[in-house]
Amino acid sequence: MGSAGEEAKLQSPLLPRASGGEGHEQVSGQLESILSDESLPWGRRMAAASVVEMRLLVRLAAPAVLVYMINYLMSMSTQIFSGHLGTLELAAASLGNTGIQVFAYGLMV
C-alpha cells in the first residue's frame, strides 16, 4: 500500500533531531540551560523558557485547535442557514449538530 519512505516518515518524531541525539533532549537541554543561568533575573529566565515551551506546544497543539475551530464554524454556519428557514428547522439542525459532535468525540475516546 505505502512505500517504505512513507512509513518511515509516518513513524518519525514531530520534534526535530539534534546532531547529537533526540529532539526532545535538545529542547530539554535548552530549557535546562535557560533555567539554570543565574546571571539573568528570574522573570527573564521564565520568559525565555516560556518562549521555548510555546514553540513546542504550538507545533503540537495547532492541528487540534484548527480542527476545533473548523468544527465550530461549520456548526455555526449550519445553524445560521437553518435559522433563515424557520424555528423547527433551526431546532432540528441544532440537535443534529450536537448529536453528531457527541458521536464523533465518543469515537475519538
N, C-alpha and C. Protein backbone atom coordinates (compact mmCIF):
# COMPACT_ATOMS: atom_id res chain seq x y z
N MET A 1 0.81 -1.19 0.00
CA MET A 1 0.00 0.00 0.00
C MET A 1 0.86 1.26 0.00
N GLY A 2 1.72 1.42 1.01
CA GLY A 2 2.59 2.58 1.09
C GLY A 2 4.03 2.16 0.93
N SER A 3 4.83 3.08 0.46
CA SER A 3 6.24 2.75 0.28
C SER A 3 6.96 2.80 1.63
N ALA A 4 8.17 2.30 1.63
CA ALA A 4 8.96 2.28 2.87
C ALA A 4 9.29 3.69 3.32
N GLY A 5 9.50 4.62 2.37
CA GLY A 5 9.79 6.01 2.71
C GLY A 5 8.62 6.68 3.40
N GLU A 6 7.39 6.38 2.95
CA GLU A 6 6.20 6.95 3.57
C GLU A 6 6.02 6.41 4.99
N GLU A 7 6.28 5.12 5.18
CA GLU A 7 6.15 4.53 6.51
C GLU A 7 7.18 5.12 7.47
N ALA A 8 8.40 5.32 6.99
CA ALA A 8 9.44 5.91 7.84
C ALA A 8 9.07 7.34 8.21
N LYS A 9 8.47 8.07 7.28
CA LYS A 9 8.07 9.45 7.55
C LYS A 9 6.95 9.48 8.58
N LEU A 10 6.02 8.54 8.51
CA LEU A 10 4.92 8.49 9.48
C LEU A 10 5.42 8.12 10.87
N GLN A 11 6.48 7.34 10.96
CA GLN A 11 6.99 6.91 12.26
C GLN A 11 8.02 7.85 12.84
N SER A 12 8.43 8.87 12.09
CA SER A 12 9.44 9.80 12.60
C SER A 12 8.81 10.73 13.64
N PRO A 13 9.58 11.17 14.63
CA PRO A 13 9.04 12.04 15.68
C PRO A 13 8.73 13.44 15.16
N LEU A 14 7.84 14.15 15.87
CA LEU A 14 7.49 15.51 15.48
C LEU A 14 8.61 16.50 15.76
N LEU A 15 9.39 16.23 16.79
CA LEU A 15 10.46 17.15 17.16
C LEU A 15 11.65 16.97 16.23
N PRO A 16 12.31 18.07 15.90
CA PRO A 16 13.50 17.94 15.03
C PRO A 16 14.63 17.26 15.78
N ARG A 17 15.41 16.51 15.06
CA ARG A 17 16.53 15.80 15.68
C ARG A 17 17.74 16.71 15.77
N ALA A 18 18.40 16.64 16.91
CA ALA A 18 19.66 17.36 17.07
C ALA A 18 20.77 16.52 16.48
N SER A 19 21.92 17.12 16.25
CA SER A 19 23.01 16.37 15.62
C SER A 19 23.55 15.28 16.55
N GLY A 20 23.42 15.49 17.87
CA GLY A 20 23.98 14.52 18.80
C GLY A 20 22.96 13.63 19.46
N GLY A 21 21.67 13.77 19.17
CA GLY A 21 20.70 12.93 19.85
C GLY A 21 19.28 13.28 19.45
N GLU A 22 18.35 12.94 20.33
CA GLU A 22 16.94 13.14 20.06
C GLU A 22 16.55 14.61 20.16
N GLY A 23 15.43 14.99 19.50
CA GLY A 23 14.95 16.36 19.52
C GLY A 23 14.50 16.80 20.89
N HIS A 24 13.86 15.89 21.65
CA HIS A 24 13.39 16.27 22.99
C HIS A 24 14.55 16.52 23.93
N GLU A 25 15.68 15.86 23.69
CA GLU A 25 16.87 16.12 24.50
C GLU A 25 17.41 17.51 24.21
N GLN A 26 17.30 17.94 22.95
CA GLN A 26 17.76 19.28 22.59
C GLN A 26 16.90 20.33 23.28
N VAL A 27 15.58 20.17 23.24
CA VAL A 27 14.68 21.12 23.89
C VAL A 27 14.89 21.09 25.40
N SER A 28 15.04 19.90 25.95
CA SER A 28 15.27 19.76 27.38
C SER A 28 16.58 20.43 27.79
N GLY A 29 17.62 20.23 27.01
CA GLY A 29 18.90 20.87 27.30
C GLY A 29 18.83 22.38 27.19
N GLN A 30 18.06 22.84 26.20
CA GLN A 30 17.88 24.27 26.03
C GLN A 30 17.15 24.87 27.23
N LEU A 31 16.10 24.21 27.67
CA LEU A 31 15.37 24.68 28.85
C LEU A 31 16.23 24.65 30.10
N GLU A 32 17.00 23.58 30.25
CA GLU A 32 17.86 23.45 31.41
C GLU A 32 18.90 24.57 31.46
N SER A 33 19.47 24.89 30.32
CA SER A 33 20.48 25.95 30.29
C SER A 33 19.86 27.31 30.57
N ILE A 34 18.65 27.54 30.09
CA ILE A 34 17.97 28.82 30.35
C ILE A 34 17.63 28.94 31.83
N LEU A 35 17.05 27.90 32.39
CA LEU A 35 16.59 27.97 33.78
C LEU A 35 17.73 27.96 34.79
N SER A 36 18.88 27.39 34.43
CA SER A 36 19.99 27.33 35.38
C SER A 36 20.93 28.52 35.27
N ASP A 37 20.67 29.43 34.33
CA ASP A 37 21.52 30.61 34.15
C ASP A 37 21.19 31.63 35.24
N GLU A 38 22.05 31.72 36.25
CA GLU A 38 21.82 32.62 37.39
C GLU A 38 22.15 34.08 37.07
N SER A 39 22.79 34.34 35.93
CA SER A 39 23.15 35.72 35.61
C SER A 39 21.93 36.54 35.18
N LEU A 40 20.88 35.86 34.72
CA LEU A 40 19.65 36.55 34.32
C LEU A 40 18.67 36.61 35.47
N PRO A 41 17.85 37.66 35.54
CA PRO A 41 16.81 37.70 36.58
C PRO A 41 15.77 36.60 36.36
N TRP A 42 15.05 36.29 37.42
CA TRP A 42 14.06 35.20 37.39
C TRP A 42 13.02 35.43 36.30
N GLY A 43 12.53 36.65 36.16
CA GLY A 43 11.49 36.94 35.17
C GLY A 43 11.96 36.71 33.75
N ARG A 44 13.18 37.11 33.45
CA ARG A 44 13.72 36.89 32.10
C ARG A 44 13.91 35.41 31.81
N ARG A 45 14.36 34.66 32.81
CA ARG A 45 14.53 33.21 32.62
C ARG A 45 13.18 32.55 32.33
N MET A 46 12.15 32.95 33.08
CA MET A 46 10.82 32.36 32.86
C MET A 46 10.26 32.75 31.50
N ALA A 47 10.50 34.00 31.08
CA ALA A 47 10.03 34.44 29.76
C ALA A 47 10.73 33.65 28.65
N ALA A 48 12.04 33.48 28.76
CA ALA A 48 12.78 32.73 27.74
C ALA A 48 12.35 31.27 27.72
N ALA A 49 12.15 30.68 28.89
CA ALA A 49 11.71 29.29 28.96
C ALA A 49 10.30 29.15 28.40
N SER A 50 9.46 30.13 28.64
CA SER A 50 8.09 30.09 28.10
C SER A 50 8.09 30.15 26.59
N VAL A 51 9.00 30.94 26.01
CA VAL A 51 9.09 31.01 24.55
C VAL A 51 9.49 29.65 23.97
N VAL A 52 10.44 28.99 24.59
CA VAL A 52 10.88 27.67 24.11
C VAL A 52 9.73 26.67 24.20
N GLU A 53 9.03 26.68 25.34
CA GLU A 53 7.90 25.76 25.52
C GLU A 53 6.77 26.06 24.56
N MET A 54 6.48 27.35 24.34
CA MET A 54 5.37 27.71 23.45
C MET A 54 5.65 27.30 22.01
N ARG A 55 6.90 27.40 21.57
CA ARG A 55 7.24 26.93 20.23
C ARG A 55 6.91 25.45 20.08
N LEU A 56 7.23 24.68 21.09
CA LEU A 56 6.96 23.25 21.06
C LEU A 56 5.46 22.97 21.13
N LEU A 57 4.76 23.66 22.03
CA LEU A 57 3.34 23.41 22.21
C LEU A 57 2.51 23.85 21.01
N VAL A 58 2.89 24.95 20.38
CA VAL A 58 2.15 25.41 19.21
C VAL A 58 2.27 24.38 18.10
N ARG A 59 3.45 23.84 17.94
CA ARG A 59 3.63 22.85 16.89
C ARG A 59 2.81 21.58 17.15
N LEU A 60 2.67 21.22 18.40
CA LEU A 60 1.92 20.01 18.73
C LEU A 60 0.41 20.24 18.79
N ALA A 61 -0.01 21.41 19.27
CA ALA A 61 -1.43 21.65 19.51
C ALA A 61 -2.15 22.35 18.36
N ALA A 62 -1.43 22.92 17.42
CA ALA A 62 -2.06 23.67 16.34
C ALA A 62 -3.06 22.84 15.53
N PRO A 63 -2.77 21.59 15.18
CA PRO A 63 -3.78 20.82 14.44
C PRO A 63 -5.08 20.61 15.22
N ALA A 64 -4.99 20.37 16.51
CA ALA A 64 -6.20 20.17 17.31
C ALA A 64 -7.01 21.46 17.39
N VAL A 65 -6.34 22.58 17.57
CA VAL A 65 -7.03 23.87 17.64
C VAL A 65 -7.71 24.16 16.31
N LEU A 66 -7.03 23.88 15.21
CA LEU A 66 -7.60 24.11 13.89
C LEU A 66 -8.85 23.26 13.67
N VAL A 67 -8.81 22.01 14.09
CA VAL A 67 -9.98 21.13 13.93
C VAL A 67 -11.15 21.63 14.77
N TYR A 68 -10.89 22.06 16.01
CA TYR A 68 -11.96 22.59 16.85
C TYR A 68 -12.59 23.84 16.24
N MET A 69 -11.76 24.72 15.69
CA MET A 69 -12.28 25.94 15.08
C MET A 69 -13.12 25.64 13.85
N ILE A 70 -12.65 24.73 12.99
CA ILE A 70 -13.42 24.37 11.80
C ILE A 70 -14.73 23.72 12.19
N ASN A 71 -14.71 22.85 13.19
CA ASN A 71 -15.92 22.19 13.65
C ASN A 71 -16.93 23.21 14.17
N TYR A 72 -16.45 24.16 14.95
CA TYR A 72 -17.33 25.20 15.50
C TYR A 72 -17.91 26.06 14.38
N LEU A 73 -17.08 26.45 13.42
CA LEU A 73 -17.56 27.30 12.33
C LEU A 73 -18.57 26.58 11.44
N MET A 74 -18.36 25.29 11.20
CA MET A 74 -19.34 24.54 10.40
C MET A 74 -20.67 24.43 11.12
N SER A 75 -20.62 24.17 12.42
CA SER A 75 -21.85 24.08 13.20
C SER A 75 -22.57 25.42 13.21
N MET A 76 -21.83 26.50 13.39
CA MET A 76 -22.43 27.82 13.44
C MET A 76 -23.06 28.20 12.10
N SER A 77 -22.37 27.92 11.00
CA SER A 77 -22.92 28.27 9.69
C SER A 77 -24.16 27.45 9.37
N THR A 78 -24.17 26.19 9.77
CA THR A 78 -25.37 25.36 9.56
C THR A 78 -26.56 25.92 10.33
N GLN A 79 -26.33 26.33 11.56
CA GLN A 79 -27.42 26.88 12.36
C GLN A 79 -27.89 28.22 11.83
N ILE A 80 -26.98 29.02 11.29
CA ILE A 80 -27.38 30.31 10.72
C ILE A 80 -28.28 30.08 9.51
N PHE A 81 -27.88 29.19 8.61
CA PHE A 81 -28.70 28.92 7.43
C PHE A 81 -30.04 28.28 7.81
N SER A 82 -30.03 27.40 8.80
CA SER A 82 -31.28 26.76 9.22
C SER A 82 -32.20 27.76 9.90
N GLY A 83 -31.64 28.73 10.59
CA GLY A 83 -32.45 29.76 11.24
C GLY A 83 -33.21 30.61 10.25
N HIS A 84 -32.68 30.75 9.04
CA HIS A 84 -33.40 31.50 8.00
C HIS A 84 -34.62 30.73 7.50
N LEU A 85 -34.61 29.42 7.63
CA LEU A 85 -35.73 28.61 7.15
C LEU A 85 -36.90 28.64 8.13
N GLY A 86 -36.62 28.53 9.42
CA GLY A 86 -37.68 28.54 10.41
C GLY A 86 -37.19 27.99 11.74
N THR A 87 -38.07 28.10 12.75
CA THR A 87 -37.66 27.68 14.09
C THR A 87 -37.56 26.15 14.20
N LEU A 88 -38.45 25.43 13.54
CA LEU A 88 -38.41 23.97 13.60
C LEU A 88 -37.13 23.44 12.95
N GLU A 89 -36.76 24.02 11.82
CA GLU A 89 -35.54 23.60 11.13
C GLU A 89 -34.30 23.95 11.95
N LEU A 90 -34.34 25.12 12.62
CA LEU A 90 -33.22 25.52 13.47
C LEU A 90 -33.05 24.55 14.63
N ALA A 91 -34.16 24.14 15.25
CA ALA A 91 -34.08 23.18 16.35
C ALA A 91 -33.55 21.84 15.87
N ALA A 92 -34.00 21.41 14.71
CA ALA A 92 -33.53 20.13 14.17
C ALA A 92 -32.03 20.19 13.85
N ALA A 93 -31.59 21.28 13.26
CA ALA A 93 -30.16 21.41 12.92
C ALA A 93 -29.32 21.47 14.18
N SER A 94 -29.81 22.15 15.20
CA SER A 94 -29.06 22.25 16.46
C SER A 94 -28.92 20.89 17.12
N LEU A 95 -30.01 20.14 17.19
CA LEU A 95 -29.94 18.79 17.77
C LEU A 95 -29.07 17.86 16.94
N GLY A 96 -29.19 17.98 15.61
CA GLY A 96 -28.38 17.14 14.74
C GLY A 96 -26.89 17.42 14.88
N ASN A 97 -26.52 18.70 14.92
CA ASN A 97 -25.11 19.06 15.09
C ASN A 97 -24.57 18.57 16.43
N THR A 98 -25.35 18.75 17.47
CA THR A 98 -24.92 18.32 18.80
C THR A 98 -24.76 16.81 18.84
N GLY A 99 -25.71 16.09 18.27
CA GLY A 99 -25.64 14.63 18.25
C GLY A 99 -24.45 14.12 17.47
N ILE A 100 -24.18 14.72 16.33
CA ILE A 100 -23.05 14.28 15.50
C ILE A 100 -21.73 14.59 16.20
N GLN A 101 -21.63 15.76 16.84
CA GLN A 101 -20.39 16.12 17.53
C GLN A 101 -20.13 15.18 18.71
N VAL A 102 -21.18 14.86 19.47
CA VAL A 102 -21.01 13.95 20.60
C VAL A 102 -20.61 12.57 20.10
N PHE A 103 -21.21 12.13 19.01
CA PHE A 103 -20.86 10.83 18.44
C PHE A 103 -19.40 10.83 17.97
N ALA A 104 -18.97 11.91 17.29
CA ALA A 104 -17.59 11.98 16.80
C ALA A 104 -16.60 12.01 17.97
N TYR A 105 -16.88 12.77 19.02
CA TYR A 105 -15.99 12.82 20.17
C TYR A 105 -15.98 11.48 20.91
N GLY A 106 -17.11 10.78 20.91
CA GLY A 106 -17.15 9.45 21.51
C GLY A 106 -16.29 8.47 20.76
N LEU A 107 -16.26 8.59 19.43
CA LEU A 107 -15.39 7.71 18.64
C LEU A 107 -13.91 7.99 18.90
N MET A 108 -13.57 9.26 19.14
CA MET A 108 -12.17 9.60 19.39
C MET A 108 -11.70 9.04 20.73
N VAL A 109 -12.59 8.95 21.69
CA VAL A 109 -12.20 8.44 23.01
C VAL A 109 -12.10 6.95 22.92
